[in-house]
Amino acid sequence: MGFLKIFKAKFMINSMSQLQTGPLVANIRLVGIIEVLVTLVYLYPPTMHIGFFLLLSWLGGALALHIASKAKPIPLIFIIILWISAYLRVPSLFAFITSTSKTP
């Protein structure tokens, strides 16, 4: 999606315009570059944890924008894919979910 924004694909501009994101449409190339960079940070193994949380935050904002605009919550699909791929790559990242705390 980032590359589509960098090259200003017509349908990407139209879909972003429908979400009432005027400032984002004006800076669509910058948005695309940030998306690609954050994805590369996630794909590079030493920085995978930082990239995971940056991508999760980015997609969370996109999901909030889609919900506020009453559009289809398509970013939710990417959030689910991100969680699954992160779990498959580094299961220890989710150790806090399976650990049980001992309460006195």
PDB file of N, CA and C in Angstrom:
ATOM      1  N   MET A   1       0.820  -1.192   0.000  1.00  0.00           N
ATOM      2  CA  MET A   1       0.000   0.000   0.000  1.00  0.00           C
ATOM      3  C   MET A   1       0.865   1.257   0.000  1.00  0.00           C
ATOM      4  N   GLY A   2       2.006   1.185   0.680  1.00  0.00           N
ATOM      5  CA  GLY A   2       2.890   2.338   0.721  1.00  0.00           C
ATOM      6  C   GLY A   2       3.399   2.715  -0.651  1.00  0.00           C
ATOM      7  N   PHE A   3       3.754   1.711  -1.458  1.00  0.00           N
ATOM      8  CA  PHE A   3       4.247   2.000  -2.805  1.00  0.00           C
ATOM      9  C   PHE A   3       3.150   2.611  -3.681  1.00  0.00           C
ATOM     10  N   LEU A   4       1.924   2.187  -3.486  1.00  0.00           N
ATOM     11  CA  LEU A   4       0.819   2.777  -4.239  1.00  0.00           C
ATOM     12  C   LEU A   4       0.659   4.256  -3.897  1.00  0.00           C
ATOM     13  N   LYS A   5       0.910   4.585  -2.640  1.00  0.00           N
ATOM     14  CA  LYS A   5       0.814   5.982  -2.231  1.00  0.00           C
ATOM     15  C   LYS A   5       2.000   6.790  -2.750  1.00  0.00           C
ATOM     16  N   ILE A   6       3.182   6.168  -2.752  1.00  0.00           N
ATOM     17  CA  ILE A   6       4.360   6.875  -3.263  1.00  0.00           C
ATOM     18  C   ILE A   6       4.179   7.237  -4.731  1.00  0.00           C
ATOM     19  N   PHE A   7       3.632   6.296  -5.511  1.00  0.00           N
ATOM     20  CA  PHE A   7       3.446   6.534  -6.943  1.00  0.00           C
ATOM     21  C   PHE A   7       2.100   7.174  -7.264  1.00  0.00           C
ATOM     22  N   LYS A   8       1.367   7.586  -6.228  1.00  0.00           N
ATOM     23  CA  LYS A   8       0.093   8.295  -6.357  1.00  0.00           C
ATOM     24  C   LYS A   8      -0.892   7.575  -7.276  1.00  0.00           C
ATOM     25  N   ALA A   9      -1.164   6.328  -6.940  1.00  0.00           N
ATOM     26  CA  ALA A   9      -2.156   5.568  -7.700  1.00  0.00           C
ATOM     27  C   ALA A   9      -3.510   6.264  -7.576  1.00  0.00           C
ATOM     28  N   LYS A  10      -4.195   6.380  -8.692  1.00  0.00           N
ATOM     29  CA  LYS A  10      -5.447   7.143  -8.739  1.00  0.00           C
ATOM     30  C   LYS A  10      -6.499   6.591  -7.762  1.00  0.00           C
ATOM     31  N   PHE A  11      -6.648   5.263  -7.709  1.00  0.00           N
ATOM     32  CA  PHE A  11      -7.664   4.709  -6.811  1.00  0.00           C
ATOM     33  C   PHE A  11      -7.292   4.911  -5.346  1.00  0.00           C
ATOM     34  N   MET A  12      -5.986   5.011  -5.043  1.00  0.00           N
ATOM     35  CA  MET A  12      -5.565   5.271  -3.666  1.00  0.00           C
ATOM     36  C   MET A  12      -5.927   6.691  -3.259  1.00  0.00           C
ATOM     37  N   ILE A  13      -5.714   7.623  -4.153  1.00  0.00           N
ATOM     38  CA  ILE A  13      -6.080   9.015  -3.877  1.00  0.00           C
ATOM     39  C   ILE A  13      -7.592   9.146  -3.723  1.00  0.00           C
ATOM     40  N   ASN A  14      -8.346   8.450  -4.582  1.00  0.00           N
ATOM     41  CA  ASN A  14      -9.812   8.504  -4.492  1.00  0.00           C
ATOM     42  C   ASN A  14     -10.308   7.907  -3.181  1.00  0.00           C
ATOM     43  N   SER A  15      -9.749   6.772  -2.781  1.00  0.00           N
ATOM     44  CA  SER A  15     -10.218   6.131  -1.541  1.00  0.00           C
ATOM     45  C   SER A  15      -9.838   6.964  -0.324  1.00  0.00           C
ATOM     46  N   MET A  16      -8.663   7.593  -0.350  1.00  0.00           N
ATOM     47  CA  MET A  16      -8.285   8.450   0.778  1.00  0.00           C
ATOM     48  C   MET A  16      -9.140   9.710   0.813  1.00  0.00           C
ATOM     49  N   SER A  17      -9.543  10.199  -0.347  1.00  0.00           N
ATOM     50  CA  SER A  17     -10.412  11.381  -0.396  1.00  0.00           C
ATOM     51  C   SER A  17     -11.782  11.075   0.191  1.00  0.00           C
ATOM     52  N   GLN A  18     -12.263   9.854  -0.029  1.00  0.00           N
ATOM     53  CA  GLN A  18     -13.562   9.459   0.519  1.00  0.00           C
ATOM     54  C   GLN A  18     -13.528   9.379   2.039  1.00  0.00           C
ATOM     55  N   LEU A  19     -12.346   9.157   2.609  1.00  0.00           N
ATOM     56  CA  LEU A  19     -12.220   9.093   4.065  1.00  0.00           C
ATOM     57  C   LEU A  19     -12.078  10.475   4.693  1.00  0.00           C
ATOM     58  N   GLN A  20     -12.198  11.512   3.880  1.00  0.00           N
ATOM     59  CA  GLN A  20     -12.115  12.892   4.344  1.00  0.00           C
ATOM     60  C   GLN A  20     -10.766  13.169   4.996  1.00  0.00           C
ATOM     61  N   THR A  21      -9.698  12.776   4.309  1.00  0.00           N
ATOM     62  CA  THR A  21      -8.354  12.974   4.829  1.00  0.00           C
ATOM     63  C   THR A  21      -7.601  13.949   3.937  1.00  0.00           C
ATOM     64  N   GLY A  22      -8.073  15.175   3.875  1.00  0.00           N
ATOM     65  CA  GLY A  22      -7.466  16.192   3.026  1.00  0.00           C
ATOM     66  C   GLY A  22      -5.967  16.365   3.242  1.00  0.00           C
ATOM     67  N   PRO A  23      -5.515  16.573   4.494  1.00  0.00           N
ATOM     68  CA  PRO A  23      -4.074  16.744   4.713  1.00  0.00           C
ATOM     69  C   PRO A  23      -3.255  15.504   4.316  1.00  0.00           C
ATOM     70  N   LEU A  24      -3.818  14.315   4.505  1.00  0.00           N
ATOM     71  CA  LEU A  24      -3.093  13.109   4.125  1.00  0.00           C
ATOM     72  C   LEU A  24      -2.991  12.975   2.612  1.00  0.00           C
ATOM     73  N   VAL A  25      -4.041  13.352   1.906  1.00  0.00           N
ATOM     74  CA  VAL A  25      -4.013  13.285   0.446  1.00  0.00           C
ATOM     75  C   VAL A  25      -2.989  14.275  -0.092  1.00  0.00           C
ATOM     76  N   ALA A  26      -2.886  15.437   0.532  1.00  0.00           N
ATOM     77  CA  ALA A  26      -1.922  16.438   0.090  1.00  0.00           C
ATOM     78  C   ALA A  26      -0.483  15.944   0.273  1.00  0.00           C
ATOM     79  N   ASN A  27      -0.252  15.119   1.267  1.00  0.00           N
ATOM     80  CA  ASN A  27       1.083  14.597   1.561  1.00  0.00           C
ATOM     81  C   ASN A  27       1.148  13.090   1.345  1.00  0.00           C
ATOM     82  N   ILE A  28       0.493  12.605   0.309  1.00  0.00           N
ATOM     83  CA  ILE A  28       0.358  11.163   0.112  1.00  0.00           C
ATOM     84  C   ILE A  28       1.711  10.468  -0.083  1.00  0.00           C
ATOM     85  N   ARG A  29       2.649  11.132  -0.737  1.00  0.00           N
ATOM     86  CA  ARG A  29       3.976  10.520  -0.931  1.00  0.00           C
ATOM     87  C   ARG A  29       4.687  10.329   0.403  1.00  0.00           C
ATOM     88  N   LEU A  30       4.610  11.320   1.275  1.00  0.00           N
ATOM     89  CA  LEU A  30       5.241  11.218   2.588  1.00  0.00           C
ATOM     90  C   LEU A  30       4.618  10.083   3.397  1.00  0.00           C
ATOM     91  N   VAL A  31       3.302   9.972   3.335  1.00  0.00           N
ATOM     92  CA  VAL A  31       2.604   8.889   4.030  1.00  0.00           C
ATOM     93  C   VAL A  31       3.076   7.535   3.503  1.00  0.00           C
ATOM     94  N   GLY A  32       3.212   7.400   2.193  1.00  0.00           N
ATOM     95  CA  GLY A  32       3.678   6.156   1.595  1.00  0.00           C
ATOM     96  C   GLY A  32       5.101   5.820   1.991  1.00  0.00           C
ATOM     97  N   ILE A  33       5.977   6.824   2.023  1.00  0.00           N
ATOM     98  CA  ILE A  33       7.365   6.596   2.416  1.00  0.00           C
ATOM     99  C   ILE A  33       7.444   6.127   3.861  1.00  0.00           C
ATOM    100  N   ILE A  34       6.656   6.738   4.731  1.00  0.00           N
ATOM    101  CA  ILE A  34       6.645   6.323   6.138  1.00  0.00           C
ATOM    102  C   ILE A  34       6.149   4.885   6.264  1.00  0.00           C
ATOM    103  N   GLU A  35       5.112   4.537   5.523  1.00  0.00           N
ATOM    104  CA  GLU A  35       4.600   3.164   5.567  1.00  0.00           C
ATOM    105  C   GLU A  35       5.669   2.155   5.144  1.00  0.00           C
ATOM    106  N   VAL A  36       6.370   2.456   4.076  1.00  0.00           N
ATOM    107  CA  VAL A  36       7.407   1.539   3.589  1.00  0.00           C
ATOM    108  C   VAL A  36       8.549   1.441   4.603  1.00  0.00           C
ATOM    109  N   LEU A  37       8.984   2.558   5.158  1.00  0.00           N
ATOM    110  CA  LEU A  37      10.074   2.538   6.135  1.00  0.00           C
ATOM    111  C   LEU A  37       9.710   1.754   7.392  1.00  0.00           C
ATOM    112  N   VAL A  38       8.509   1.960   7.890  1.00  0.00           N
ATOM    113  CA  VAL A  38       8.079   1.233   9.087  1.00  0.00           C
ATOM    114  C   VAL A  38       7.981  -0.264   8.795  1.00  0.00           C
ATOM    115  N   THR A  39       7.535  -0.621   7.614  1.00  0.00           N
ATOM    116  CA  THR A  39       7.471  -2.037   7.238  1.00  0.00           C
ATOM    117  C   THR A  39       8.871  -2.632   7.156  1.00  0.00           C
ATOM    118  N   LEU A  40       9.820  -1.889   6.630  1.00  0.00           N
ATOM    119  CA  LEU A  40      11.206  -2.375   6.570  1.00  0.00           C
ATOM    120  C   LEU A  40      11.797  -2.542   7.966  1.00  0.00           C
ATOM    121  N   VAL A  41      11.458  -1.639   8.871  1.00  0.00           N
ATOM    122  CA  VAL A  41      11.916  -1.780  10.261  1.00  0.00           C
ATOM    123  C   VAL A  41      11.355  -3.070  10.857  1.00  0.00           C
ATOM    124  N   TYR A  42      10.119  -3.396  10.535  1.00  0.00           N
ATOM    125  CA  TYR A  42       9.509  -4.643  11.021  1.00  0.00           C
ATOM    126  C   TYR A  42      10.168  -5.867  10.393  1.00  0.00           C
ATOM    127  N   LEU A  43      10.508  -5.801   9.141  1.00  0.00           N
ATOM    128  CA  LEU A  43      11.080  -6.961   8.455  1.00  0.00           C
ATOM    129  C   LEU A  43      12.538  -7.219   8.834  1.00  0.00           C
ATOM    130  N   TYR A  44      13.259  -6.214   9.293  1.00  0.00           N
ATOM    131  CA  TYR A  44      14.660  -6.374   9.692  1.00  0.00           C
ATOM    132  C   TYR A  44      14.686  -6.994  11.087  1.00  0.00           C
ATOM    133  N   PRO A  45      15.213  -8.210  11.233  1.00  0.00           N
ATOM    134  CA  PRO A  45      15.099  -8.949  12.499  1.00  0.00           C
ATOM    135  C   PRO A  45      15.543  -8.215  13.767  1.00  0.00           C
ATOM    136  N   PRO A  46      16.675  -7.486  13.790  1.00  0.00           N
ATOM    137  CA  PRO A  46      17.042  -6.824  15.046  1.00  0.00           C
ATOM    138  C   PRO A  46      16.064  -5.726  15.488  1.00  0.00           C
ATOM    139  N   THR A  47      15.313  -5.166  14.565  1.00  0.00           N
ATOM    140  CA  THR A  47      14.386  -4.089  14.922  1.00  0.00           C
ATOM    141  C   THR A  47      12.924  -4.524  14.793  1.00  0.00           C
ATOM    142  N   MET A  48      12.707  -5.825  14.761  1.00  0.00           N
ATOM    143  CA  MET A  48      11.361  -6.360  14.551  1.00  0.00           C
ATOM    144  C   MET A  48      10.374  -5.898  15.625  1.00  0.00           C
ATOM    145  N   HIS A  49      10.814  -5.859  16.889  1.00  0.00           N
ATOM    146  CA  HIS A  49       9.901  -5.474  17.968  1.00  0.00           C
ATOM    147  C   HIS A  49       9.436  -4.027  17.815  1.00  0.00           C
ATOM    148  N   ILE A  50      10.359  -3.149  17.529  1.00  0.00           N
ATOM    149  CA  ILE A  50       9.998  -1.740  17.338  1.00  0.00           C
ATOM    150  C   ILE A  50       9.077  -1.595  16.128  1.00  0.00           C
ATOM    151  N   GLY A  51       9.433  -2.273  15.038  1.00  0.00           N
ATOM    152  CA  GLY A  51       8.611  -2.215  13.833  1.00  0.00           C
ATOM    153  C   GLY A  51       7.211  -2.748  14.062  1.00  0.00           C
ATOM    154  N   PHE A  52       7.101  -3.807  14.880  1.00  0.00           N
ATOM    155  CA  PHE A  52       5.782  -4.378  15.187  1.00  0.00           C
ATOM    156  C   PHE A  52       4.894  -3.335  15.856  1.00  0.00           C
ATOM    157  N   PHE A  53       5.426  -2.675  16.863  1.00  0.00           N
ATOM    158  CA  PHE A  53       4.608  -1.703  17.590  1.00  0.00           C
ATOM    159  C   PHE A  53       4.343  -0.450  16.757  1.00  0.00           C
ATOM    160  N   LEU A  54       5.284  -0.059  15.905  1.00  0.00           N
ATOM    161  CA  LEU A  54       5.032   1.079  15.017  1.00  0.00           C
ATOM    162  C   LEU A  54       3.948   0.747  13.993  1.00  0.00           C
ATOM    163  N   LEU A  55       4.052  -0.446  13.390  1.00  0.00           N
ATOM    164  CA  LEU A  55       3.020  -0.857  12.425  1.00  0.00           C
ATOM    165  C   LEU A  55       1.658  -1.004  13.094  1.00  0.00           C
ATOM    166  N   LEU A  56       1.658  -1.570  14.296  1.00  0.00           N
ATOM    167  CA  LEU A  56       0.401  -1.747  15.017  1.00  0.00           C
ATOM    168  C   LEU A  56      -0.243  -0.393  15.322  1.00  0.00           C
ATOM    169  N   SER A  57       0.573   0.571  15.703  1.00  0.00           N
ATOM    170  CA  SER A  57       0.052   1.918  15.973  1.00  0.00           C
ATOM    171  C   SER A  57      -0.466   2.570  14.697  1.00  0.00           C
ATOM    172  N   TRP A  58       0.299   2.429  13.626  1.00  0.00           N
ATOM    173  CA  TRP A  58      -0.084   3.013  12.335  1.00  0.00           C
ATOM    174  C   TRP A  58      -1.419   2.430  11.864  1.00  0.00           C
ATOM    175  N   LEU A  59      -1.521   1.105  11.925  1.00  0.00           N
ATOM    176  CA  LEU A  59      -2.757   0.448  11.477  1.00  0.00           C
ATOM    177  C   LEU A  59      -3.923   0.735  12.422  1.00  0.00           C
ATOM    178  N   GLY A  60      -3.629   0.902  13.697  1.00  0.00           N
ATOM    179  CA  GLY A  60      -4.683   1.279  14.637  1.00  0.00           C
ATOM    180  C   GLY A  60      -5.268   2.640  14.305  1.00  0.00           C
ATOM    181  N   GLY A  61      -4.398   3.576  13.939  1.00  0.00           N
ATOM    182  CA  GLY A  61      -4.875   4.889  13.512  1.00  0.00           C
ATOM    183  C   GLY A  61      -5.690   4.813  12.232  1.00  0.00           C
ATOM    184  N   ALA A  62      -5.240   3.981  11.305  1.00  0.00           N
ATOM    185  CA  ALA A  62      -5.991   3.803  10.054  1.00  0.00           C
ATOM    186  C   ALA A  62      -7.356   3.179  10.335  1.00  0.00           C
ATOM    187  N   LEU A  63      -7.389   2.223  11.251  1.00  0.00           N
ATOM    188  CA  LEU A  63      -8.662   1.591  11.609  1.00  0.00           C
ATOM    189  C   LEU A  63      -9.605   2.606  12.255  1.00  0.00           C
ATOM    190  N   ALA A  64      -9.077   3.437  13.132  1.00  0.00           N
ATOM    191  CA  ALA A  64      -9.907   4.464  13.769  1.00  0.00           C
ATOM    192  C   ALA A  64     -10.459   5.436  12.726  1.00  0.00           C
ATOM    193  N   LEU A  65      -9.641   5.785  11.760  1.00  0.00           N
ATOM    194  CA  LEU A  65     -10.081   6.682  10.681  1.00  0.00           C
ATOM    195  C   LEU A  65     -11.187   6.037   9.859  1.00  0.00           C
ATOM    196  N   HIS A  66     -11.034   4.751   9.556  1.00  0.00           N
ATOM    197  CA  HIS A  66     -12.065   4.053   8.781  1.00  0.00           C
ATOM    198  C   HIS A  66     -13.372   3.956   9.571  1.00  0.00           C
ATOM    199  N   ILE A  67     -13.280   3.680  10.852  1.00  0.00           N
ATOM    200  CA  ILE A  67     -14.491   3.574  11.673  1.00  0.00           C
ATOM    201  C   ILE A  67     -15.170   4.937  11.794  1.00  0.00           C
ATOM    202  N   ALA A  68     -14.392   5.989  12.004  1.00  0.00           N
ATOM    203  CA  ALA A  68     -14.967   7.337  12.117  1.00  0.00           C
ATOM    204  C   ALA A  68     -15.621   7.782  10.818  1.00  0.00           C
ATOM    205  N   SER A  69     -15.080   7.335   9.691  1.00  0.00           N
ATOM    206  CA  SER A  69     -15.632   7.705   8.390  1.00  0.00           C
ATOM    207  C   SER A  69     -16.727   6.757   7.927  1.00  0.00           C
ATOM    208  N   LYS A  70     -17.056   5.789   8.763  1.00  0.00           N
ATOM    209  CA  LYS A  70     -18.073   4.781   8.454  1.00  0.00           C
ATOM    210  C   LYS A  70     -17.744   4.009   7.171  1.00  0.00           C
ATOM    211  N   ALA A  71     -16.451   3.759   6.983  1.00  0.00           N
ATOM    212  CA  ALA A  71     -15.996   2.959   5.842  1.00  0.00           C
ATOM    213  C   ALA A  71     -15.762   1.525   6.319  1.00  0.00           C
ATOM    214  N   LYS A  72     -15.516   0.644   5.388  1.00  0.00           N
ATOM    215  CA  LYS A  72     -15.229  -0.742   5.751  1.00  0.00           C
ATOM    216  C   LYS A  72     -13.927  -0.796   6.547  1.00  0.00           C
ATOM    217  N   PRO A  73     -13.908  -1.520   7.662  1.00  0.00           N
ATOM    218  CA  PRO A  73     -12.699  -1.575   8.501  1.00  0.00           C
ATOM    219  C   PRO A  73     -11.618  -2.506   7.929  1.00  0.00           C
ATOM    220  N   ILE A  74     -11.146  -2.205   6.737  1.00  0.00           N
ATOM    221  CA  ILE A  74     -10.151  -3.030   6.064  1.00  0.00           C
ATOM    222  C   ILE A  74      -8.829  -3.119   6.842  1.00  0.00           C
ATOM    223  N   PRO A  75      -8.373  -2.056   7.537  1.00  0.00           N
ATOM    224  CA  PRO A  75      -7.116  -2.180   8.285  1.00  0.00           C
ATOM    225  C   PRO A  75      -7.150  -3.295   9.343  1.00  0.00           C
ATOM    226  N   LEU A  76      -8.344  -3.688   9.766  1.00  0.00           N
ATOM    227  CA  LEU A  76      -8.445  -4.762  10.745  1.00  0.00           C
ATOM    228  C   LEU A  76      -7.853  -6.065  10.203  1.00  0.00           C
ATOM    229  N   ILE A  77      -8.012  -6.299   8.918  1.00  0.00           N
ATOM    230  CA  ILE A  77      -7.437  -7.499   8.298  1.00  0.00           C
ATOM    231  C   ILE A  77      -5.916  -7.457   8.409  1.00  0.00           C
ATOM    232  N   PHE A  78      -5.328  -6.295   8.140  1.00  0.00           N
ATOM    233  CA  PHE A  78      -3.881  -6.161   8.216  1.00  0.00           C
ATOM    234  C   PHE A  78      -3.381  -6.251   9.658  1.00  0.00           C
ATOM    235  N   ILE A  79      -4.165  -5.766  10.608  1.00  0.00           N
ATOM    236  CA  ILE A  79      -3.789  -5.891  12.017  1.00  0.00           C
ATOM    237  C   ILE A  79      -3.744  -7.366  12.415  1.00  0.00           C
ATOM    238  N   ILE A  80      -4.740  -8.128  12.003  1.00  0.00           N
ATOM    239  CA  ILE A  80      -4.768  -9.565  12.324  1.00  0.00           C
ATOM    240  C   ILE A  80      -3.585 -10.278  11.677  1.00  0.00           C
ATOM    241  N   ILE A  81      -3.300  -9.966  10.416  1.00  0.00           N
ATOM    242  CA  ILE A  81      -2.153 -10.570   9.728  1.00  0.00           C
ATOM    243  C   ILE A  81      -0.847 -10.198  10.439  1.00  0.00           C
ATOM    244  N   LEU A  82      -0.739  -8.946  10.884  1.00  0.00           N
ATOM    245  CA  LEU A  82       0.459  -8.500  11.596  1.00  0.00           C
ATOM    246  C   LEU A  82       0.655  -9.274  12.891  1.00  0.00           C
ATOM    247  N   TRP A  83      -0.415  -9.438  13.673  1.00  0.00           N
ATOM    248  CA  TRP A  83      -0.317 -10.186  14.928  1.00  0.00           C
ATOM    249  C   TRP A  83       0.089 -11.639  14.673  1.00  0.00           C
ATOM    250  N   ILE A  84      -0.512 -12.260  13.689  1.00  0.00           N
ATOM    251  CA  ILE A  84      -0.197 -13.661  13.394  1.00  0.00           C
ATOM    252  C   ILE A  84       1.252 -13.792  12.922  1.00  0.00           C
ATOM    253  N   SER A  85       1.674 -12.916  12.027  1.00  0.00           N
ATOM    254  CA  SER A  85       3.048 -13.016  11.524  1.00  0.00           C
ATOM    255  C   SER A  85       4.066 -12.733  12.622  1.00  0.00           C
ATOM    256  N   ALA A  86       3.778 -11.792  13.495  1.00  0.00           N
ATOM    257  CA  ALA A  86       4.700 -11.505  14.596  1.00  0.00           C
ATOM    258  C   ALA A  86       4.771 -12.691  15.552  1.00  0.00           C
ATOM    259  N   TYR A  87       3.644 -13.332  15.806  1.00  0.00           N
ATOM    260  CA  TYR A  87       3.652 -14.499  16.692  1.00  0.00           C
ATOM    261  C   TYR A  87       4.439 -15.651  16.070  1.00  0.00           C
ATOM    262  N   LEU A  88       4.290 -15.845  14.775  1.00  0.00           N
ATOM    263  CA  LEU A  88       5.024 -16.921  14.110  1.00  0.00           C
ATOM    264  C   LEU A  88       6.524 -16.638  14.054  1.00  0.00           C
ATOM    265  N   ARG A  89       6.900 -15.378  13.958  1.00  0.00           N
ATOM    266  CA  ARG A  89       8.323 -15.018  13.905  1.00  0.00           C
ATOM    267  C   ARG A  89       8.975 -15.079  15.276  1.00  0.00           C
ATOM    268  N   VAL A  90       8.349 -14.490  16.282  1.00  0.00           N
ATOM    269  CA  VAL A  90       8.938 -14.397  17.622  1.00  0.00           C
ATOM    270  C   VAL A  90       7.847 -14.663  18.664  1.00  0.00           C
ATOM    271  N   PRO A  91       7.601 -15.938  18.991  1.00  0.00           N
ATOM    272  CA  PRO A  91       6.568 -16.239  19.983  1.00  0.00           C
ATOM    273  C   PRO A  91       6.854 -15.635  21.357  1.00  0.00           C
ATOM    274  N   SER A  92       8.124 -15.401  21.674  1.00  0.00           N
ATOM    275  CA  SER A  92       8.456 -14.835  22.986  1.00  0.00           C
ATOM    276  C   SER A  92       7.939 -13.412  23.155  1.00  0.00           C
ATOM    277  N   LEU A  93       7.630 -12.749  22.044  1.00  0.00           N
ATOM    278  CA  LEU A  93       7.071 -11.402  22.113  1.00  0.00           C
ATOM    279  C   LEU A  93       5.731 -11.404  22.844  1.00  0.00           C
ATOM    280  N   PHE A  94       5.059 -12.530  22.819  1.00  0.00           N
ATOM    281  CA  PHE A  94       3.734 -12.649  23.429  1.00  0.00           C
ATOM    282  C   PHE A  94       3.750 -13.473  24.705  1.00  0.00           C
ATOM    283  N   ALA A  95       4.896 -13.580  25.342  1.00  0.00           N
ATOM    284  CA  ALA A  95       5.017 -14.360  26.569  1.00  0.00           C
ATOM    285  C   ALA A  95       4.157 -13.784  27.691  1.00  0.00           C
ATOM    286  N   PHE A  96       3.918 -12.490  27.652  1.00  0.00           N
ATOM    287  CA  PHE A  96       3.114 -11.866  28.699  1.00  0.00           C
ATOM    288  C   PHE A  96       1.672 -12.377  28.693  1.00  0.00           C
ATOM    289  N   ILE A  97       1.210 -12.887  27.573  1.00  0.00           N
ATOM    290  CA  ILE A  97      -0.162 -13.386  27.483  1.00  0.00           C
ATOM    291  C   ILE A  97      -0.291 -14.731  28.192  1.00  0.00           C
ATOM    292  N   THR A  98       0.704 -15.581  28.019  1.00  0.00           N
ATOM    293  CA  THR A  98       0.613 -16.928  28.574  1.00  0.00           C
ATOM    294  C   THR A  98       1.162 -17.034  29.989  1.00  0.00           C
ATOM    295  N   SER A  99       1.921 -16.035  30.441  1.00  0.00           N
ATOM    296  CA  SER A  99       2.466 -16.119  31.779  1.00  0.00           C
ATOM    297  C   SER A  99       1.381 -15.833  32.809  1.00  0.00           C
ATOM    298  N   THR A 100       1.469 -16.551  33.897  1.00  0.00           N
ATOM    299  CA  THR A 100       0.512 -16.345  34.985  1.00  0.00           C
ATOM    300  C   THR A 100       1.213 -15.630  36.115  1.00  0.00           C
ATOM    301  N   SER A 101       0.566 -14.642  36.625  1.00  0.00           N
ATOM    302  CA  SER A 101       1.178 -13.907  37.739  1.00  0.00           C
ATOM    303  C   SER A 101       0.792 -14.561  39.047  1.00  0.00           C
ATOM    304  N   LYS A 102       1.749 -14.592  39.946  1.00  0.00           N
ATOM    305  CA  LYS A 102       1.499 -15.171  41.260  1.00  0.00           C
ATOM    306  C   LYS A 102       1.082 -14.060  42.197  1.00  0.00           C
ATOM    307  N   THR A 103      -0.127 -14.172  42.677  1.00  0.00           N
ATOM    308  CA  THR A 103      -0.615 -13.164  43.613  1.00  0.00           C
ATOM    309  C   THR A 103      -0.550 -13.749  45.018  1.00  0.00           C
ATOM    310  N   PRO A 104      -0.092 -12.985  45.963  1.00  0.00           N
ATOM    311  CA  PRO A 104       0.026 -13.493  47.340  1.00  0.00           C
ATOM    312  C   PRO A 104      -1.299 -13.684  48.006  1.00  0.00           C
TER     313      PRO A 104
END
